[in-house]
N, C-alpha and C. Protein backbone atom coordinates (compact mmCIF):
# COMPACT_ATOMS: atom_id res chain seq x y z
N UNK A 1 -10.01 10.75 26.14
CA UNK A 1 -9.00 9.87 25.60
C UNK A 1 -7.63 10.51 25.80
N UNK A 2 -6.74 9.72 26.29
CA UNK A 2 -5.39 10.21 26.54
C UNK A 2 -4.51 9.96 25.32
N UNK A 3 -3.42 10.68 25.21
CA UNK A 3 -2.49 10.43 24.10
C UNK A 3 -1.93 9.00 24.12
N UNK A 4 -1.75 8.44 25.32
CA UNK A 4 -1.24 7.07 25.41
C UNK A 4 -2.25 6.07 24.85
N UNK A 5 -3.54 6.32 25.14
CA UNK A 5 -4.58 5.44 24.61
C UNK A 5 -4.63 5.51 23.09
N UNK A 6 -4.57 6.71 22.55
CA UNK A 6 -4.66 6.87 21.09
C UNK A 6 -3.44 6.26 20.41
N UNK A 7 -2.26 6.46 20.98
CA UNK A 7 -1.07 5.88 20.36
C UNK A 7 -1.10 4.35 20.47
N UNK A 8 -1.61 3.81 21.58
CA UNK A 8 -1.73 2.36 21.72
C UNK A 8 -2.74 1.79 20.74
N UNK A 9 -3.85 2.50 20.57
CA UNK A 9 -4.87 2.05 19.61
C UNK A 9 -4.33 2.10 18.19
N UNK A 10 -3.62 3.17 17.86
CA UNK A 10 -3.01 3.29 16.53
C UNK A 10 -1.97 2.19 16.29
N UNK A 11 -1.17 1.90 17.31
CA UNK A 11 -0.19 0.82 17.19
C UNK A 11 -0.87 -0.52 16.93
N UNK A 12 -1.96 -0.79 17.65
CA UNK A 12 -2.69 -2.05 17.46
C UNK A 12 -3.30 -2.12 16.06
N UNK A 13 -3.83 -1.02 15.55
CA UNK A 13 -4.41 -1.00 14.21
C UNK A 13 -3.34 -1.22 13.14
N UNK A 14 -2.19 -0.58 13.29
CA UNK A 14 -1.10 -0.76 12.31
C UNK A 14 -0.57 -2.18 12.38
N UNK A 15 -0.44 -2.72 13.59
CA UNK A 15 0.03 -4.10 13.75
C UNK A 15 -0.93 -5.08 13.08
N UNK A 16 -2.23 -4.85 13.23
CA UNK A 16 -3.23 -5.72 12.59
C UNK A 16 -3.15 -5.61 11.08
N UNK A 17 -3.00 -4.40 10.56
CA UNK A 17 -2.89 -4.20 9.12
C UNK A 17 -1.66 -4.89 8.55
N UNK A 18 -0.54 -4.80 9.26
CA UNK A 18 0.69 -5.46 8.80
C UNK A 18 0.54 -6.99 8.85
N UNK A 19 -0.12 -7.49 9.89
CA UNK A 19 -0.33 -8.93 9.98
C UNK A 19 -1.21 -9.42 8.84
N UNK A 20 -2.20 -8.63 8.44
CA UNK A 20 -3.08 -9.02 7.35
C UNK A 20 -2.38 -8.96 5.99
N UNK A 21 -1.47 -8.02 5.82
CA UNK A 21 -0.79 -7.86 4.53
C UNK A 21 0.44 -8.74 4.39
N UNK A 22 1.01 -9.19 5.50
CA UNK A 22 2.30 -9.90 5.47
C UNK A 22 2.31 -11.16 4.61
N UNK A 23 1.30 -12.03 4.68
CA UNK A 23 1.39 -13.25 3.85
C UNK A 23 1.45 -12.96 2.35
N UNK A 24 0.66 -12.01 1.87
CA UNK A 24 0.69 -11.70 0.44
C UNK A 24 1.98 -10.99 0.05
N UNK A 25 2.46 -10.09 0.90
CA UNK A 25 3.71 -9.39 0.59
C UNK A 25 4.90 -10.35 0.59
N UNK A 26 4.94 -11.25 1.57
CA UNK A 26 6.04 -12.22 1.63
C UNK A 26 6.01 -13.16 0.44
N UNK A 27 4.82 -13.59 0.04
CA UNK A 27 4.70 -14.47 -1.12
C UNK A 27 5.14 -13.74 -2.38
N UNK A 28 4.72 -12.50 -2.55
CA UNK A 28 5.14 -11.72 -3.72
C UNK A 28 6.65 -11.53 -3.76
N UNK A 29 7.25 -11.29 -2.59
CA UNK A 29 8.70 -11.15 -2.50
C UNK A 29 9.40 -12.44 -2.87
N UNK A 30 8.94 -13.55 -2.32
CA UNK A 30 9.57 -14.85 -2.59
C UNK A 30 9.45 -15.24 -4.06
N UNK A 31 8.26 -15.07 -4.62
CA UNK A 31 8.08 -15.41 -6.04
C UNK A 31 8.92 -14.49 -6.91
N UNK A 32 8.99 -13.21 -6.57
CA UNK A 32 9.81 -12.27 -7.34
C UNK A 32 11.29 -12.64 -7.33
N UNK A 33 11.78 -13.05 -6.16
CA UNK A 33 13.19 -13.46 -6.06
C UNK A 33 13.44 -14.72 -6.88
N UNK A 34 12.52 -15.69 -6.78
CA UNK A 34 12.71 -16.94 -7.54
C UNK A 34 12.67 -16.69 -9.04
N UNK A 35 11.75 -15.88 -9.50
CA UNK A 35 11.67 -15.58 -10.94
C UNK A 35 12.89 -14.79 -11.38
N UNK A 36 13.37 -13.88 -10.55
CA UNK A 36 14.57 -13.12 -10.90
C UNK A 36 15.80 -14.02 -10.99
N UNK A 37 15.88 -15.00 -10.07
CA UNK A 37 16.99 -15.96 -10.15
C UNK A 37 16.89 -16.78 -11.43
N UNK A 38 15.67 -17.18 -11.79
CA UNK A 38 15.47 -17.93 -13.04
C UNK A 38 15.86 -17.07 -14.24
N UNK A 39 15.47 -15.81 -14.22
CA UNK A 39 15.82 -14.93 -15.33
C UNK A 39 17.33 -14.70 -15.42
N UNK A 40 17.99 -14.59 -14.28
CA UNK A 40 19.43 -14.40 -14.29
C UNK A 40 20.15 -15.64 -14.79
N UNK A 41 19.63 -16.83 -14.41
CA UNK A 41 20.28 -18.06 -14.84
C UNK A 41 20.09 -18.32 -16.32
N UNK A 42 18.93 -17.97 -16.86
CA UNK A 42 18.66 -18.24 -18.27
C UNK A 42 18.91 -17.03 -19.15
N UNK A 43 19.25 -15.90 -18.57
CA UNK A 43 19.49 -14.64 -19.28
C UNK A 43 18.29 -14.20 -20.11
N UNK A 44 17.10 -14.48 -19.58
CA UNK A 44 15.86 -13.97 -20.19
C UNK A 44 15.53 -12.66 -19.49
N UNK A 45 15.46 -11.59 -20.23
CA UNK A 45 15.19 -10.28 -19.63
C UNK A 45 13.81 -9.78 -20.03
N UNK A 46 12.82 -10.59 -19.81
CA UNK A 46 11.44 -10.20 -20.12
C UNK A 46 10.79 -9.61 -18.88
N UNK A 47 10.34 -8.37 -18.95
CA UNK A 47 9.78 -7.69 -17.79
C UNK A 47 8.43 -8.26 -17.37
N UNK A 48 7.67 -8.76 -18.32
CA UNK A 48 6.33 -9.26 -17.98
C UNK A 48 6.36 -10.66 -17.40
N UNK A 49 7.50 -11.33 -17.43
CA UNK A 49 7.60 -12.69 -16.91
C UNK A 49 7.39 -12.73 -15.40
N UNK A 50 7.70 -11.67 -14.71
CA UNK A 50 7.56 -11.63 -13.26
C UNK A 50 6.10 -11.42 -12.85
N UNK A 51 5.34 -10.72 -13.66
CA UNK A 51 4.00 -10.29 -13.26
C UNK A 51 3.04 -11.45 -13.02
N UNK A 52 2.94 -12.39 -13.94
CA UNK A 52 1.96 -13.47 -13.81
C UNK A 52 2.27 -14.40 -12.64
N UNK A 53 3.52 -14.87 -12.46
CA UNK A 53 3.77 -15.71 -11.29
C UNK A 53 3.53 -15.00 -9.96
N UNK A 54 3.86 -13.71 -9.88
CA UNK A 54 3.60 -12.96 -8.66
C UNK A 54 2.10 -12.87 -8.39
N UNK A 55 1.35 -12.59 -9.43
CA UNK A 55 -0.10 -12.47 -9.28
C UNK A 55 -0.71 -13.80 -8.83
N UNK A 56 -0.26 -14.89 -9.40
CA UNK A 56 -0.76 -16.21 -9.00
C UNK A 56 -0.33 -16.56 -7.58
N UNK A 57 0.89 -16.23 -7.22
CA UNK A 57 1.37 -16.49 -5.87
C UNK A 57 0.61 -15.71 -4.82
N UNK A 58 0.35 -14.45 -5.09
CA UNK A 58 -0.40 -13.62 -4.15
C UNK A 58 -1.84 -14.12 -4.03
N UNK A 59 -2.45 -14.52 -5.15
CA UNK A 59 -3.81 -15.06 -5.10
C UNK A 59 -3.85 -16.36 -4.31
N UNK A 60 -2.85 -17.21 -4.49
CA UNK A 60 -2.79 -18.47 -3.74
C UNK A 60 -2.59 -18.20 -2.25
N UNK A 61 -1.74 -17.25 -1.92
CA UNK A 61 -1.54 -16.90 -0.51
C UNK A 61 -2.82 -16.34 0.10
N UNK A 62 -3.55 -15.56 -0.67
CA UNK A 62 -4.82 -15.02 -0.19
C UNK A 62 -5.81 -16.14 0.09
N UNK A 63 -5.86 -17.12 -0.80
CA UNK A 63 -6.76 -18.26 -0.58
C UNK A 63 -6.35 -19.08 0.63
N UNK A 64 -5.06 -19.29 0.81
CA UNK A 64 -4.59 -20.10 1.92
C UNK A 64 -4.75 -19.41 3.28
N UNK A 65 -4.47 -18.11 3.31
CA UNK A 65 -4.47 -17.39 4.58
C UNK A 65 -5.79 -16.67 4.88
N UNK A 66 -6.78 -16.77 4.00
CA UNK A 66 -8.03 -16.04 4.20
C UNK A 66 -8.75 -16.40 5.50
N UNK A 67 -8.87 -17.68 5.88
CA UNK A 67 -9.53 -17.96 7.17
C UNK A 67 -8.81 -17.34 8.36
N UNK A 68 -7.49 -17.39 8.36
CA UNK A 68 -6.72 -16.77 9.43
C UNK A 68 -6.91 -15.26 9.44
N UNK A 69 -6.93 -14.66 8.26
CA UNK A 69 -7.11 -13.21 8.15
C UNK A 69 -8.48 -12.79 8.67
N UNK A 70 -9.50 -13.58 8.37
CA UNK A 70 -10.84 -13.29 8.88
C UNK A 70 -10.85 -13.36 10.40
N UNK A 71 -10.19 -14.35 10.98
CA UNK A 71 -10.13 -14.45 12.44
C UNK A 71 -9.41 -13.25 13.05
N UNK A 72 -8.33 -12.80 12.44
CA UNK A 72 -7.59 -11.66 12.97
C UNK A 72 -8.45 -10.40 12.93
N UNK A 73 -9.08 -10.13 11.81
CA UNK A 73 -9.84 -8.89 11.69
C UNK A 73 -11.11 -8.92 12.52
N UNK A 74 -11.76 -10.09 12.64
CA UNK A 74 -12.95 -10.16 13.50
C UNK A 74 -12.57 -10.05 14.97
N UNK A 75 -11.41 -10.57 15.34
CA UNK A 75 -10.93 -10.40 16.71
C UNK A 75 -10.66 -8.94 17.03
N UNK A 76 -10.04 -8.25 16.09
CA UNK A 76 -9.75 -6.83 16.29
C UNK A 76 -11.04 -6.02 16.40
N UNK A 77 -11.97 -6.28 15.50
CA UNK A 77 -13.24 -5.54 15.52
C UNK A 77 -14.08 -5.91 16.74
N UNK A 78 -14.07 -7.19 17.12
CA UNK A 78 -14.79 -7.60 18.32
C UNK A 78 -14.26 -6.91 19.56
N UNK A 79 -12.95 -6.82 19.65
CA UNK A 79 -12.32 -6.11 20.77
C UNK A 79 -12.70 -4.64 20.76
N UNK A 80 -12.74 -4.04 19.58
CA UNK A 80 -13.13 -2.65 19.47
C UNK A 80 -14.57 -2.44 19.90
N UNK A 81 -15.47 -3.31 19.47
CA UNK A 81 -16.90 -3.15 19.79
C UNK A 81 -17.15 -3.41 21.28
N UNK A 82 -16.48 -4.42 21.84
CA UNK A 82 -16.66 -4.72 23.25
C UNK A 82 -16.18 -3.56 24.12
N UNK A 83 -15.08 -2.93 23.74
CA UNK A 83 -14.50 -1.86 24.54
C UNK A 83 -15.00 -0.47 24.13
N UNK A 84 -16.03 -0.40 23.29
CA UNK A 84 -16.55 0.88 22.82
C UNK A 84 -16.98 1.80 23.97
N UNK A 85 -17.66 1.32 25.00
CA UNK A 85 -18.00 2.24 26.10
C UNK A 85 -16.76 2.84 26.78
N UNK A 86 -15.70 2.07 26.87
CA UNK A 86 -14.47 2.60 27.47
C UNK A 86 -13.85 3.65 26.54
N UNK A 87 -13.96 3.45 25.23
CA UNK A 87 -13.39 4.40 24.28
C UNK A 87 -14.12 5.74 24.32
N UNK A 88 -15.41 5.71 24.59
CA UNK A 88 -16.20 6.93 24.57
C UNK A 88 -16.02 7.79 25.81
N UNK A 89 -15.42 7.26 26.86
CA UNK A 89 -15.20 8.05 28.07
C UNK A 89 -14.07 9.03 27.90
């Protein structure tokens, strides 16, 4: 295995991990900003008010994006298994 191969494989793995995490992270960010704007407008400074909407938003994003996430990870693993003989050389 060459250093270029290992760095390319590592890049692909990190890219896949970021693609899998992005929908939940973006949803958490969006819900957090919206709740913070609501808190600023109403001057409610309750720290726990952000937690429940974020948790629900992330769970909803997970439910919505789960089929796509399964396709991404199975594609990555399928590619890894198919190219396993090349990796072992």
